[in-house]
Amino acid sequence: MFFSFARFIVRILAWLLNGKPNVENKEALPEGTYVLVGPHRTWWDPIFFALAASPRKFTFMAKEELFKNPVIRFILNHANAFPVNRQNPGPSAIKTPVKALRSKDLSLIMFPTGSRYASELKGGAIVIAKMARVPLVPAVYQGPLTFKDLLKRQKITIRFGEPIPVAPKLKLNDENIALVGQQMQDAFDQLDQEINPDFKYEIVEKPKK
């Protein structure tokens, strides 16, 4: 209930700030649960992924530090988020989303690089999809990368790709994870090309503390 209400409020706020986003190839989304994967380009791309894939509800990972604030913790808990220690993820980082996916109520939004400041794909999304017996669904965000540009109402496009199946019997060795990872990267590249062939995204440097 809270997730649907929150998404309704966020949709209104997003429309006021930037207008209606352009959603492409939504028909590619499967009926059941899935792991929605994409390159992480700005802190609000998961919000637009969740809006674009409506009415499907999602769970997502959030760094455990955010849960220390009681107000933010309340919002995250009711928005189906779960805490993860990014330095030492632990078994719950896999078990929690797998349980949610198997319940058939929630899909998962996950960024295979784990950060906006990285380009190397990690295998976590593949492991989760295999254990939950659900496909990976690639998606890309093209649009403003700074809040200032967001306020300028620059066009936002979300495009979904065809599901990538992960066989339950797939051996999770380095070779197979690399192969599926390459499928994801190829899908991201293709989706970017289909939206705008001239689009180029460069990894921003992580700010120094």
N, C-alpha and C. Protein backbone atom coordinates (compact mmCIF):
# COMPACT_ATOMS: atom_id res chain seq x y z
N MET A 1 0.83 -1.20 0.00
CA MET A 1 0.00 0.00 0.00
C MET A 1 0.87 1.26 0.00
N PHE A 2 1.86 1.29 0.93
CA PHE A 2 2.74 2.44 1.02
C PHE A 2 3.52 2.63 -0.28
N PHE A 3 4.01 1.51 -0.87
CA PHE A 3 4.79 1.60 -2.10
C PHE A 3 3.96 2.24 -3.20
N SER A 4 2.70 1.81 -3.37
CA SER A 4 1.84 2.36 -4.42
C SER A 4 1.55 3.84 -4.18
N PHE A 5 1.29 4.20 -2.91
CA PHE A 5 1.03 5.59 -2.58
C PHE A 5 2.27 6.45 -2.82
N ALA A 6 3.42 5.95 -2.37
CA ALA A 6 4.67 6.69 -2.55
C ALA A 6 4.98 6.88 -4.02
N ARG A 7 4.75 5.84 -4.82
CA ARG A 7 5.03 5.95 -6.25
C ARG A 7 4.11 6.99 -6.89
N PHE A 8 2.86 7.05 -6.44
CA PHE A 8 1.92 8.05 -6.95
C PHE A 8 2.41 9.46 -6.66
N ILE A 9 2.88 9.69 -5.42
CA ILE A 9 3.39 11.01 -5.03
C ILE A 9 4.65 11.35 -5.83
N VAL A 10 5.55 10.37 -5.95
CA VAL A 10 6.80 10.59 -6.68
C VAL A 10 6.51 10.88 -8.15
N ARG A 11 5.53 10.20 -8.70
CA ARG A 11 5.18 10.42 -10.11
C ARG A 11 4.73 11.87 -10.33
N ILE A 12 3.95 12.39 -9.40
CA ILE A 12 3.49 13.78 -9.51
C ILE A 12 4.67 14.74 -9.40
N LEU A 13 5.56 14.48 -8.41
CA LEU A 13 6.73 15.34 -8.24
C LEU A 13 7.64 15.31 -9.46
N ALA A 14 7.85 14.11 -10.01
CA ALA A 14 8.69 13.97 -11.21
C ALA A 14 8.09 14.73 -12.39
N TRP A 15 6.77 14.65 -12.52
CA TRP A 15 6.08 15.36 -13.61
C TRP A 15 6.22 16.86 -13.45
N LEU A 16 6.08 17.35 -12.20
CA LEU A 16 6.21 18.78 -11.95
C LEU A 16 7.63 19.27 -12.24
N LEU A 17 8.62 18.47 -11.89
CA LEU A 17 10.02 18.86 -12.09
C LEU A 17 10.47 18.76 -13.53
N ASN A 18 10.03 17.67 -14.20
CA ASN A 18 10.63 17.38 -15.51
C ASN A 18 9.63 17.02 -16.60
N GLY A 19 8.37 16.87 -16.27
CA GLY A 19 7.40 16.43 -17.27
C GLY A 19 7.31 14.92 -17.32
N LYS A 20 6.56 14.42 -18.26
CA LYS A 20 6.33 12.97 -18.36
C LYS A 20 7.51 12.30 -19.06
N PRO A 21 8.13 11.29 -18.43
CA PRO A 21 9.24 10.59 -19.09
C PRO A 21 8.75 9.75 -20.27
N ASN A 22 9.63 9.52 -21.21
CA ASN A 22 9.32 8.69 -22.36
C ASN A 22 9.69 7.25 -22.05
N VAL A 23 8.73 6.33 -22.09
CA VAL A 23 8.96 4.92 -21.78
C VAL A 23 8.84 4.11 -23.06
N GLU A 24 9.86 3.34 -23.38
CA GLU A 24 9.89 2.58 -24.63
C GLU A 24 9.99 1.08 -24.37
N ASN A 25 9.30 0.32 -25.22
CA ASN A 25 9.36 -1.15 -25.22
C ASN A 25 8.92 -1.77 -23.89
N LYS A 26 7.91 -1.17 -23.27
CA LYS A 26 7.42 -1.70 -22.01
C LYS A 26 6.82 -3.09 -22.18
N GLU A 27 6.39 -3.39 -23.40
CA GLU A 27 5.80 -4.71 -23.66
C GLU A 27 6.80 -5.85 -23.47
N ALA A 28 8.09 -5.53 -23.38
CA ALA A 28 9.11 -6.56 -23.15
C ALA A 28 9.10 -7.08 -21.72
N LEU A 29 8.48 -6.34 -20.80
CA LEU A 29 8.48 -6.76 -19.40
C LEU A 29 7.66 -8.04 -19.23
N PRO A 30 8.21 -9.04 -18.54
CA PRO A 30 7.49 -10.31 -18.36
C PRO A 30 6.36 -10.17 -17.34
N GLU A 31 5.47 -11.16 -17.33
CA GLU A 31 4.33 -11.14 -16.43
C GLU A 31 4.74 -11.36 -14.98
N GLY A 32 5.67 -12.30 -14.75
CA GLY A 32 6.08 -12.62 -13.39
C GLY A 32 7.16 -11.68 -12.88
N THR A 33 7.75 -12.06 -11.74
CA THR A 33 8.81 -11.23 -11.17
C THR A 33 10.10 -11.38 -11.97
N TYR A 34 10.98 -10.41 -11.80
CA TYR A 34 12.24 -10.39 -12.55
C TYR A 34 13.23 -9.47 -11.84
N VAL A 35 14.48 -9.53 -12.28
CA VAL A 35 15.52 -8.62 -11.79
C VAL A 35 15.75 -7.57 -12.87
N LEU A 36 15.36 -6.34 -12.59
CA LEU A 36 15.55 -5.25 -13.53
C LEU A 36 16.96 -4.70 -13.35
N VAL A 37 17.78 -4.78 -14.39
CA VAL A 37 19.18 -4.37 -14.31
C VAL A 37 19.47 -3.25 -15.30
N GLY A 38 20.36 -2.37 -14.92
CA GLY A 38 20.73 -1.29 -15.81
C GLY A 38 22.01 -0.63 -15.35
N PRO A 39 22.63 0.17 -16.21
CA PRO A 39 23.80 0.95 -15.79
C PRO A 39 23.34 2.07 -14.86
N HIS A 40 24.08 2.29 -13.77
CA HIS A 40 23.70 3.28 -12.76
C HIS A 40 24.31 4.63 -13.13
N ARG A 41 23.46 5.58 -13.58
CA ARG A 41 23.96 6.83 -14.12
C ARG A 41 23.68 8.05 -13.26
N THR A 42 22.68 7.98 -12.42
CA THR A 42 22.36 9.08 -11.52
C THR A 42 21.60 8.52 -10.34
N TRP A 43 21.52 9.27 -9.24
CA TRP A 43 20.89 8.69 -8.05
C TRP A 43 19.40 8.51 -8.22
N TRP A 44 18.77 9.16 -9.23
CA TRP A 44 17.32 9.00 -9.39
C TRP A 44 16.92 8.02 -10.50
N ASP A 45 17.88 7.37 -11.19
CA ASP A 45 17.45 6.43 -12.23
C ASP A 45 16.64 5.24 -11.68
N PRO A 46 16.91 4.73 -10.45
CA PRO A 46 16.03 3.67 -9.95
C PRO A 46 14.59 4.14 -9.75
N ILE A 47 14.41 5.43 -9.41
CA ILE A 47 13.07 5.98 -9.26
C ILE A 47 12.33 5.95 -10.59
N PHE A 48 13.01 6.36 -11.64
CA PHE A 48 12.37 6.38 -12.96
C PHE A 48 12.17 4.97 -13.51
N PHE A 49 13.06 4.03 -13.16
CA PHE A 49 12.83 2.64 -13.54
C PHE A 49 11.54 2.12 -12.91
N ALA A 50 11.37 2.40 -11.61
CA ALA A 50 10.18 1.93 -10.90
C ALA A 50 8.92 2.58 -11.44
N LEU A 51 9.00 3.87 -11.78
CA LEU A 51 7.84 4.55 -12.36
C LEU A 51 7.50 3.96 -13.73
N ALA A 52 8.54 3.73 -14.54
CA ALA A 52 8.31 3.25 -15.90
C ALA A 52 7.73 1.85 -15.93
N ALA A 53 8.08 1.01 -14.94
CA ALA A 53 7.63 -0.38 -14.93
C ALA A 53 6.32 -0.57 -14.17
N SER A 54 5.71 0.52 -13.73
CA SER A 54 4.42 0.44 -13.02
C SER A 54 3.41 -0.35 -13.87
N PRO A 55 2.55 -1.18 -13.23
CA PRO A 55 2.24 -1.27 -11.80
C PRO A 55 3.08 -2.29 -11.02
N ARG A 56 4.09 -2.87 -11.64
CA ARG A 56 4.94 -3.82 -10.93
C ARG A 56 5.58 -3.15 -9.71
N LYS A 57 5.60 -3.82 -8.58
CA LYS A 57 6.23 -3.31 -7.37
C LYS A 57 7.62 -3.91 -7.22
N PHE A 58 8.51 -3.15 -6.58
CA PHE A 58 9.91 -3.55 -6.51
C PHE A 58 10.46 -3.51 -5.09
N THR A 59 11.49 -4.30 -4.88
CA THR A 59 12.36 -4.17 -3.74
C THR A 59 13.72 -3.72 -4.27
N PHE A 60 14.53 -3.16 -3.40
CA PHE A 60 15.86 -2.72 -3.84
C PHE A 60 16.80 -2.65 -2.66
N MET A 61 18.08 -2.70 -2.96
CA MET A 61 19.11 -2.61 -1.94
C MET A 61 19.42 -1.14 -1.61
N ALA A 62 19.72 -0.88 -0.35
CA ALA A 62 20.15 0.45 0.06
C ALA A 62 21.28 0.29 1.07
N LYS A 63 22.26 1.17 1.02
CA LYS A 63 23.39 1.03 1.94
C LYS A 63 22.89 1.18 3.38
N GLU A 64 23.43 0.37 4.25
CA GLU A 64 22.93 0.26 5.61
C GLU A 64 23.03 1.56 6.40
N GLU A 65 23.94 2.45 6.00
CA GLU A 65 24.08 3.73 6.70
C GLU A 65 22.80 4.55 6.66
N LEU A 66 22.03 4.39 5.56
CA LEU A 66 20.80 5.17 5.43
C LEU A 66 19.76 4.77 6.47
N PHE A 67 19.84 3.55 6.96
CA PHE A 67 18.84 3.05 7.91
C PHE A 67 19.09 3.56 9.33
N LYS A 68 20.18 4.29 9.55
CA LYS A 68 20.47 4.82 10.87
C LYS A 68 19.57 6.01 11.20
N ASN A 69 19.12 6.70 10.17
CA ASN A 69 18.19 7.82 10.37
C ASN A 69 16.77 7.27 10.50
N PRO A 70 16.07 7.52 11.61
CA PRO A 70 14.76 6.90 11.83
C PRO A 70 13.71 7.28 10.78
N VAL A 71 13.76 8.50 10.28
CA VAL A 71 12.78 8.93 9.27
C VAL A 71 13.05 8.21 7.95
N ILE A 72 14.33 8.23 7.54
CA ILE A 72 14.69 7.56 6.29
C ILE A 72 14.46 6.06 6.41
N ARG A 73 14.78 5.49 7.58
CA ARG A 73 14.55 4.07 7.81
C ARG A 73 13.08 3.70 7.64
N PHE A 74 12.19 4.53 8.17
CA PHE A 74 10.75 4.29 8.04
C PHE A 74 10.35 4.27 6.57
N ILE A 75 10.84 5.26 5.81
CA ILE A 75 10.49 5.35 4.39
C ILE A 75 11.03 4.15 3.63
N LEU A 76 12.30 3.83 3.86
CA LEU A 76 12.93 2.72 3.14
C LEU A 76 12.25 1.39 3.46
N ASN A 77 11.97 1.16 4.73
CA ASN A 77 11.31 -0.10 5.12
C ASN A 77 9.96 -0.25 4.45
N HIS A 78 9.21 0.84 4.38
CA HIS A 78 7.88 0.78 3.79
C HIS A 78 7.92 0.86 2.26
N ALA A 79 9.08 1.17 1.72
CA ALA A 79 9.24 1.18 0.25
C ALA A 79 9.91 -0.10 -0.24
N ASN A 80 9.95 -1.11 0.64
CA ASN A 80 10.46 -2.44 0.29
C ASN A 80 11.98 -2.50 0.13
N ALA A 81 12.69 -1.52 0.69
CA ALA A 81 14.15 -1.55 0.62
C ALA A 81 14.70 -2.43 1.74
N PHE A 82 15.91 -2.93 1.55
CA PHE A 82 16.57 -3.70 2.60
C PHE A 82 18.03 -3.27 2.68
N PRO A 83 18.60 -3.25 3.89
CA PRO A 83 19.96 -2.73 4.07
C PRO A 83 21.04 -3.72 3.63
N VAL A 84 22.12 -3.17 3.08
CA VAL A 84 23.27 -3.98 2.67
C VAL A 84 24.55 -3.26 3.07
N ASN A 85 25.45 -4.01 3.67
CA ASN A 85 26.78 -3.50 3.96
C ASN A 85 27.60 -3.63 2.68
N ARG A 86 27.91 -2.53 2.05
CA ARG A 86 28.57 -2.59 0.74
C ARG A 86 29.99 -3.11 0.82
N GLN A 87 30.63 -2.99 1.99
CA GLN A 87 31.99 -3.50 2.15
C GLN A 87 31.99 -5.00 2.42
N ASN A 88 31.03 -5.45 3.23
CA ASN A 88 30.89 -6.88 3.55
C ASN A 88 29.41 -7.26 3.43
N PRO A 89 28.96 -7.54 2.20
CA PRO A 89 27.53 -7.74 1.96
C PRO A 89 26.88 -8.83 2.81
N GLY A 90 27.51 -9.99 2.96
CA GLY A 90 26.92 -11.06 3.76
C GLY A 90 25.83 -11.82 3.02
N PRO A 91 25.40 -12.97 3.55
CA PRO A 91 24.42 -13.83 2.89
C PRO A 91 23.07 -13.16 2.67
N SER A 92 22.66 -12.23 3.55
CA SER A 92 21.34 -11.61 3.42
C SER A 92 21.21 -10.79 2.14
N ALA A 93 22.33 -10.32 1.59
CA ALA A 93 22.30 -9.55 0.35
C ALA A 93 21.79 -10.39 -0.81
N ILE A 94 21.90 -11.70 -0.69
CA ILE A 94 21.38 -12.63 -1.70
C ILE A 94 20.04 -13.21 -1.25
N LYS A 95 19.97 -13.67 -0.01
CA LYS A 95 18.78 -14.37 0.48
C LYS A 95 17.54 -13.48 0.52
N THR A 96 17.70 -12.22 0.94
CA THR A 96 16.54 -11.33 1.06
C THR A 96 15.86 -11.07 -0.28
N PRO A 97 16.59 -10.67 -1.34
CA PRO A 97 15.91 -10.45 -2.62
C PRO A 97 15.41 -11.74 -3.25
N VAL A 98 16.12 -12.85 -3.05
CA VAL A 98 15.64 -14.13 -3.60
C VAL A 98 14.29 -14.49 -3.00
N LYS A 99 14.16 -14.32 -1.69
CA LYS A 99 12.89 -14.60 -1.02
C LYS A 99 11.78 -13.71 -1.56
N ALA A 100 12.07 -12.43 -1.77
CA ALA A 100 11.07 -11.50 -2.30
C ALA A 100 10.65 -11.89 -3.71
N LEU A 101 11.61 -12.27 -4.55
CA LEU A 101 11.30 -12.66 -5.93
C LEU A 101 10.48 -13.95 -5.97
N ARG A 102 10.80 -14.88 -5.09
CA ARG A 102 10.07 -16.15 -5.07
C ARG A 102 8.64 -15.98 -4.56
N SER A 103 8.41 -14.90 -3.79
CA SER A 103 7.06 -14.66 -3.28
C SER A 103 6.11 -14.25 -4.40
N LYS A 104 6.67 -13.86 -5.54
CA LYS A 104 5.91 -13.43 -6.72
C LYS A 104 5.23 -12.08 -6.53
N ASP A 105 5.55 -11.39 -5.42
CA ASP A 105 4.95 -10.08 -5.16
C ASP A 105 5.84 -8.93 -5.59
N LEU A 106 7.16 -9.12 -5.45
CA LEU A 106 8.10 -8.03 -5.70
C LEU A 106 9.17 -8.44 -6.70
N SER A 107 9.44 -7.55 -7.64
CA SER A 107 10.63 -7.69 -8.49
C SER A 107 11.76 -6.89 -7.84
N LEU A 108 12.94 -6.97 -8.42
CA LEU A 108 14.12 -6.35 -7.84
C LEU A 108 14.76 -5.40 -8.84
N ILE A 109 15.08 -4.19 -8.38
CA ILE A 109 15.88 -3.26 -9.18
C ILE A 109 17.32 -3.35 -8.66
N MET A 110 18.24 -3.61 -9.58
CA MET A 110 19.63 -3.80 -9.16
C MET A 110 20.58 -3.28 -10.25
N PHE A 111 21.66 -2.68 -9.81
CA PHE A 111 22.66 -2.16 -10.75
C PHE A 111 23.90 -3.05 -10.68
N PRO A 112 24.21 -3.76 -11.76
CA PRO A 112 25.30 -4.74 -11.74
C PRO A 112 26.68 -4.17 -11.42
N THR A 113 26.88 -2.86 -11.64
CA THR A 113 28.17 -2.27 -11.29
C THR A 113 28.23 -1.96 -9.79
N GLY A 114 27.08 -1.86 -9.16
CA GLY A 114 27.02 -1.57 -7.73
C GLY A 114 27.23 -0.11 -7.38
N SER A 115 27.61 0.72 -8.35
CA SER A 115 27.93 2.12 -8.06
C SER A 115 27.87 2.94 -9.33
N ARG A 116 27.60 4.23 -9.16
CA ARG A 116 27.63 5.16 -10.31
C ARG A 116 29.06 5.46 -10.74
N TYR A 117 30.02 5.05 -9.93
CA TYR A 117 31.42 5.39 -10.19
C TYR A 117 32.22 4.20 -10.71
N ALA A 118 31.51 3.18 -11.20
CA ALA A 118 32.18 1.99 -11.71
C ALA A 118 31.54 1.55 -13.02
N SER A 119 32.30 0.83 -13.82
CA SER A 119 31.79 0.32 -15.09
C SER A 119 31.85 -1.20 -15.17
N GLU A 120 32.58 -1.83 -14.25
CA GLU A 120 32.73 -3.28 -14.29
C GLU A 120 31.48 -3.96 -13.72
N LEU A 121 30.91 -4.88 -14.48
CA LEU A 121 29.72 -5.60 -14.02
C LEU A 121 30.10 -6.68 -13.03
N LYS A 122 29.35 -6.75 -11.94
CA LYS A 122 29.56 -7.80 -10.94
C LYS A 122 28.50 -8.88 -11.12
N GLY A 123 28.68 -10.01 -10.44
CA GLY A 123 27.82 -11.17 -10.68
C GLY A 123 26.63 -11.31 -9.76
N GLY A 124 26.41 -10.37 -8.84
CA GLY A 124 25.34 -10.51 -7.86
C GLY A 124 23.96 -10.67 -8.46
N ALA A 125 23.64 -9.87 -9.47
CA ALA A 125 22.32 -9.94 -10.10
C ALA A 125 22.11 -11.30 -10.76
N ILE A 126 23.17 -11.85 -11.33
CA ILE A 126 23.07 -13.17 -11.99
C ILE A 126 22.81 -14.26 -10.97
N VAL A 127 23.52 -14.21 -9.84
CA VAL A 127 23.33 -15.19 -8.77
C VAL A 127 21.90 -15.14 -8.25
N ILE A 128 21.40 -13.94 -8.00
CA ILE A 128 20.04 -13.78 -7.48
C ILE A 128 19.00 -14.29 -8.47
N ALA A 129 19.15 -13.93 -9.74
CA ALA A 129 18.21 -14.37 -10.77
C ALA A 129 18.20 -15.89 -10.89
N LYS A 130 19.37 -16.51 -10.83
CA LYS A 130 19.45 -17.97 -10.92
C LYS A 130 18.76 -18.63 -9.74
N MET A 131 19.04 -18.17 -8.51
CA MET A 131 18.48 -18.78 -7.32
C MET A 131 16.97 -18.58 -7.23
N ALA A 132 16.50 -17.42 -7.72
CA ALA A 132 15.06 -17.14 -7.68
C ALA A 132 14.32 -17.69 -8.89
N ARG A 133 15.08 -18.16 -9.88
CA ARG A 133 14.51 -18.70 -11.13
C ARG A 133 13.67 -17.65 -11.86
N VAL A 134 14.25 -16.47 -11.99
CA VAL A 134 13.59 -15.38 -12.72
C VAL A 134 14.57 -14.82 -13.74
N PRO A 135 14.08 -14.13 -14.78
CA PRO A 135 14.99 -13.56 -15.78
C PRO A 135 15.57 -12.22 -15.35
N LEU A 136 16.64 -11.84 -16.01
CA LEU A 136 17.18 -10.49 -15.93
C LEU A 136 16.50 -9.66 -17.02
N VAL A 137 16.09 -8.45 -16.68
CA VAL A 137 15.48 -7.57 -17.69
C VAL A 137 16.33 -6.30 -17.79
N PRO A 138 17.01 -6.09 -18.91
CA PRO A 138 17.86 -4.91 -19.05
C PRO A 138 17.04 -3.65 -19.29
N ALA A 139 17.53 -2.54 -18.77
CA ALA A 139 16.89 -1.24 -18.98
C ALA A 139 17.97 -0.17 -18.95
N VAL A 140 17.73 0.92 -19.66
CA VAL A 140 18.67 2.05 -19.60
C VAL A 140 17.91 3.35 -19.40
N TYR A 141 18.60 4.27 -18.76
CA TYR A 141 18.12 5.64 -18.54
C TYR A 141 18.97 6.57 -19.37
N GLN A 142 18.32 7.41 -20.14
CA GLN A 142 19.01 8.52 -20.80
C GLN A 142 18.27 9.79 -20.42
N GLY A 143 19.02 10.76 -19.90
CA GLY A 143 18.40 12.00 -19.47
C GLY A 143 19.35 12.82 -18.65
N PRO A 144 18.85 13.84 -17.96
CA PRO A 144 19.72 14.71 -17.16
C PRO A 144 20.42 13.95 -16.06
N LEU A 145 21.67 14.34 -15.80
CA LEU A 145 22.48 13.66 -14.80
C LEU A 145 22.71 14.52 -13.55
N THR A 146 22.31 15.79 -13.62
CA THR A 146 22.42 16.68 -12.48
C THR A 146 21.04 17.24 -12.17
N PHE A 147 20.84 17.63 -10.90
CA PHE A 147 19.54 18.17 -10.50
C PHE A 147 19.23 19.44 -11.25
N LYS A 148 20.26 20.24 -11.54
CA LYS A 148 20.07 21.48 -12.30
C LYS A 148 19.49 21.19 -13.68
N ASP A 149 20.04 20.17 -14.34
CA ASP A 149 19.53 19.82 -15.67
C ASP A 149 18.14 19.18 -15.58
N LEU A 150 17.88 18.49 -14.47
CA LEU A 150 16.55 17.91 -14.28
C LEU A 150 15.51 19.02 -14.23
N LEU A 151 15.83 20.11 -13.57
CA LEU A 151 14.91 21.24 -13.46
C LEU A 151 14.72 21.96 -14.78
N LYS A 152 15.66 21.77 -15.70
CA LYS A 152 15.54 22.38 -17.03
C LYS A 152 14.60 21.59 -17.93
N ARG A 153 14.05 20.49 -17.36
CA ARG A 153 13.08 19.64 -18.07
C ARG A 153 13.68 19.01 -19.32
N GLN A 154 14.95 18.62 -19.20
CA GLN A 154 15.57 17.87 -20.29
C GLN A 154 14.88 16.51 -20.42
N LYS A 155 14.78 16.02 -21.63
CA LYS A 155 14.04 14.80 -21.90
C LYS A 155 14.63 13.59 -21.18
N ILE A 156 13.74 12.78 -20.59
CA ILE A 156 14.13 11.53 -19.95
C ILE A 156 13.50 10.37 -20.72
N THR A 157 14.33 9.39 -21.06
CA THR A 157 13.83 8.19 -21.74
C THR A 157 14.28 6.95 -20.98
N ILE A 158 13.33 6.07 -20.73
CA ILE A 158 13.62 4.74 -20.18
C ILE A 158 13.23 3.73 -21.25
N ARG A 159 14.17 2.84 -21.57
CA ARG A 159 13.86 1.80 -22.56
C ARG A 159 14.19 0.43 -21.97
N PHE A 160 13.23 -0.49 -22.11
CA PHE A 160 13.41 -1.85 -21.62
C PHE A 160 13.84 -2.77 -22.75
N GLY A 161 14.64 -3.78 -22.41
CA GLY A 161 15.07 -4.77 -23.39
C GLY A 161 14.41 -6.11 -23.16
N GLU A 162 14.71 -7.04 -24.02
CA GLU A 162 14.14 -8.38 -23.91
C GLU A 162 14.75 -9.11 -22.71
N PRO A 163 13.95 -9.90 -22.00
CA PRO A 163 14.47 -10.63 -20.83
C PRO A 163 15.63 -11.55 -21.19
N ILE A 164 16.58 -11.64 -20.29
CA ILE A 164 17.74 -12.53 -20.44
C ILE A 164 17.55 -13.69 -19.47
N PRO A 165 17.27 -14.89 -19.96
CA PRO A 165 17.06 -16.02 -19.04
C PRO A 165 18.37 -16.47 -18.39
N VAL A 166 18.26 -16.91 -17.16
CA VAL A 166 19.40 -17.50 -16.44
C VAL A 166 19.00 -18.91 -16.06
N ALA A 167 19.56 -19.90 -16.73
CA ALA A 167 19.16 -21.29 -16.53
C ALA A 167 19.41 -21.73 -15.09
N PRO A 168 18.44 -22.40 -14.46
CA PRO A 168 18.61 -22.87 -13.08
C PRO A 168 19.83 -23.78 -12.91
N LYS A 169 20.20 -24.49 -13.98
CA LYS A 169 21.33 -25.42 -13.90
C LYS A 169 22.66 -24.77 -14.29
N LEU A 170 22.64 -23.46 -14.55
CA LEU A 170 23.87 -22.77 -14.93
C LEU A 170 24.89 -22.82 -13.80
N LYS A 171 26.08 -23.26 -14.12
CA LYS A 171 27.15 -23.28 -13.13
C LYS A 171 27.69 -21.86 -12.96
N LEU A 172 27.74 -21.41 -11.71
CA LEU A 172 28.16 -20.05 -11.44
C LEU A 172 29.68 -19.94 -11.33
N ASN A 173 30.35 -20.31 -12.41
CA ASN A 173 31.80 -20.13 -12.45
C ASN A 173 32.12 -18.81 -13.14
N ASP A 174 33.37 -18.43 -13.12
CA ASP A 174 33.78 -17.15 -13.68
C ASP A 174 33.42 -17.02 -15.15
N GLU A 175 33.57 -18.10 -15.89
CA GLU A 175 33.31 -18.07 -17.33
C GLU A 175 31.84 -17.79 -17.61
N ASN A 176 30.94 -18.51 -16.94
CA ASN A 176 29.51 -18.34 -17.19
C ASN A 176 29.00 -16.98 -16.71
N ILE A 177 29.51 -16.53 -15.58
CA ILE A 177 29.12 -15.21 -15.09
C ILE A 177 29.58 -14.13 -16.07
N ALA A 178 30.78 -14.30 -16.64
CA ALA A 178 31.28 -13.35 -17.63
C ALA A 178 30.41 -13.36 -18.89
N LEU A 179 29.96 -14.56 -19.30
CA LEU A 179 29.12 -14.67 -20.50
C LEU A 179 27.79 -13.95 -20.33
N VAL A 180 27.13 -14.20 -19.18
CA VAL A 180 25.85 -13.54 -18.92
C VAL A 180 26.06 -12.04 -18.73
N GLY A 181 27.16 -11.68 -18.07
CA GLY A 181 27.49 -10.28 -17.91
C GLY A 181 27.66 -9.58 -19.24
N GLN A 182 28.27 -10.26 -20.20
CA GLN A 182 28.44 -9.69 -21.53
C GLN A 182 27.10 -9.53 -22.23
N GLN A 183 26.18 -10.49 -21.99
CA GLN A 183 24.83 -10.35 -22.54
C GLN A 183 24.15 -9.09 -22.01
N MET A 184 24.32 -8.83 -20.72
CA MET A 184 23.74 -7.62 -20.13
C MET A 184 24.35 -6.37 -20.75
N GLN A 185 25.68 -6.35 -20.84
CA GLN A 185 26.35 -5.17 -21.38
C GLN A 185 25.96 -4.93 -22.83
N ASP A 186 25.87 -6.01 -23.62
CA ASP A 186 25.44 -5.88 -25.02
C ASP A 186 24.02 -5.31 -25.09
N ALA A 187 23.16 -5.76 -24.17
CA ALA A 187 21.79 -5.27 -24.15
C ALA A 187 21.75 -3.78 -23.80
N PHE A 188 22.56 -3.37 -22.82
CA PHE A 188 22.61 -1.95 -22.47
C PHE A 188 23.06 -1.11 -23.66
N ASP A 189 24.11 -1.58 -24.33
CA ASP A 189 24.63 -0.85 -25.49
C ASP A 189 23.59 -0.75 -26.60
N GLN A 190 22.86 -1.85 -26.83
CA GLN A 190 21.84 -1.85 -27.87
C GLN A 190 20.71 -0.90 -27.54
N LEU A 191 20.28 -0.90 -26.28
CA LEU A 191 19.19 -0.02 -25.87
C LEU A 191 19.60 1.45 -26.00
N ASP A 192 20.83 1.77 -25.63
CA ASP A 192 21.31 3.13 -25.81
C ASP A 192 21.29 3.53 -27.28
N GLN A 193 21.71 2.62 -28.12
CA GLN A 193 21.71 2.89 -29.56
C GLN A 193 20.29 3.10 -30.09
N GLU A 194 19.36 2.32 -29.60
CA GLU A 194 17.98 2.41 -30.07
C GLU A 194 17.31 3.71 -29.62
N ILE A 195 17.72 4.24 -28.48
CA ILE A 195 17.17 5.53 -28.04
C ILE A 195 17.83 6.67 -28.79
N ASN A 196 19.16 6.69 -28.74
CA ASN A 196 19.91 7.77 -29.38
C ASN A 196 21.29 7.25 -29.75
N PRO A 197 21.56 7.02 -31.04
CA PRO A 197 22.85 6.47 -31.48
C PRO A 197 24.03 7.37 -31.11
N ASP A 198 23.78 8.66 -30.87
CA ASP A 198 24.86 9.59 -30.55
C ASP A 198 25.11 9.70 -29.04
N PHE A 199 24.35 8.96 -28.25
CA PHE A 199 24.48 9.06 -26.80
C PHE A 199 25.80 8.47 -26.33
N LYS A 200 26.47 9.18 -25.44
CA LYS A 200 27.69 8.67 -24.82
C LYS A 200 27.62 9.02 -23.34
N TYR A 201 27.94 8.04 -22.51
CA TYR A 201 27.95 8.27 -21.07
C TYR A 201 29.33 7.95 -20.53
N GLU A 202 29.93 8.88 -19.82
CA GLU A 202 31.23 8.67 -19.23
C GLU A 202 31.09 8.52 -17.72
N ILE A 203 31.79 7.55 -17.15
CA ILE A 203 31.75 7.32 -15.71
C ILE A 203 32.31 8.56 -15.00
N VAL A 204 31.53 9.10 -14.08
CA VAL A 204 31.99 10.28 -13.35
C VAL A 204 32.95 9.82 -12.24
N GLU A 205 33.84 10.72 -11.88
CA GLU A 205 34.80 10.38 -10.82
C GLU A 205 34.14 10.50 -9.46
N LYS A 206 34.39 9.54 -8.60
CA LYS A 206 33.80 9.56 -7.26
C LYS A 206 34.38 10.74 -6.47
N PRO A 207 33.49 11.55 -5.88
CA PRO A 207 34.01 12.70 -5.11
C PRO A 207 34.85 12.26 -3.92
N LYS A 208 35.90 13.00 -3.66
CA LYS A 208 36.77 12.66 -2.54
C LYS A 208 36.16 13.14 -1.24
N LYS A 209 36.29 12.32 -0.19
CA LYS A 209 35.74 12.67 1.11
C LYS A 209 36.69 13.64 1.84
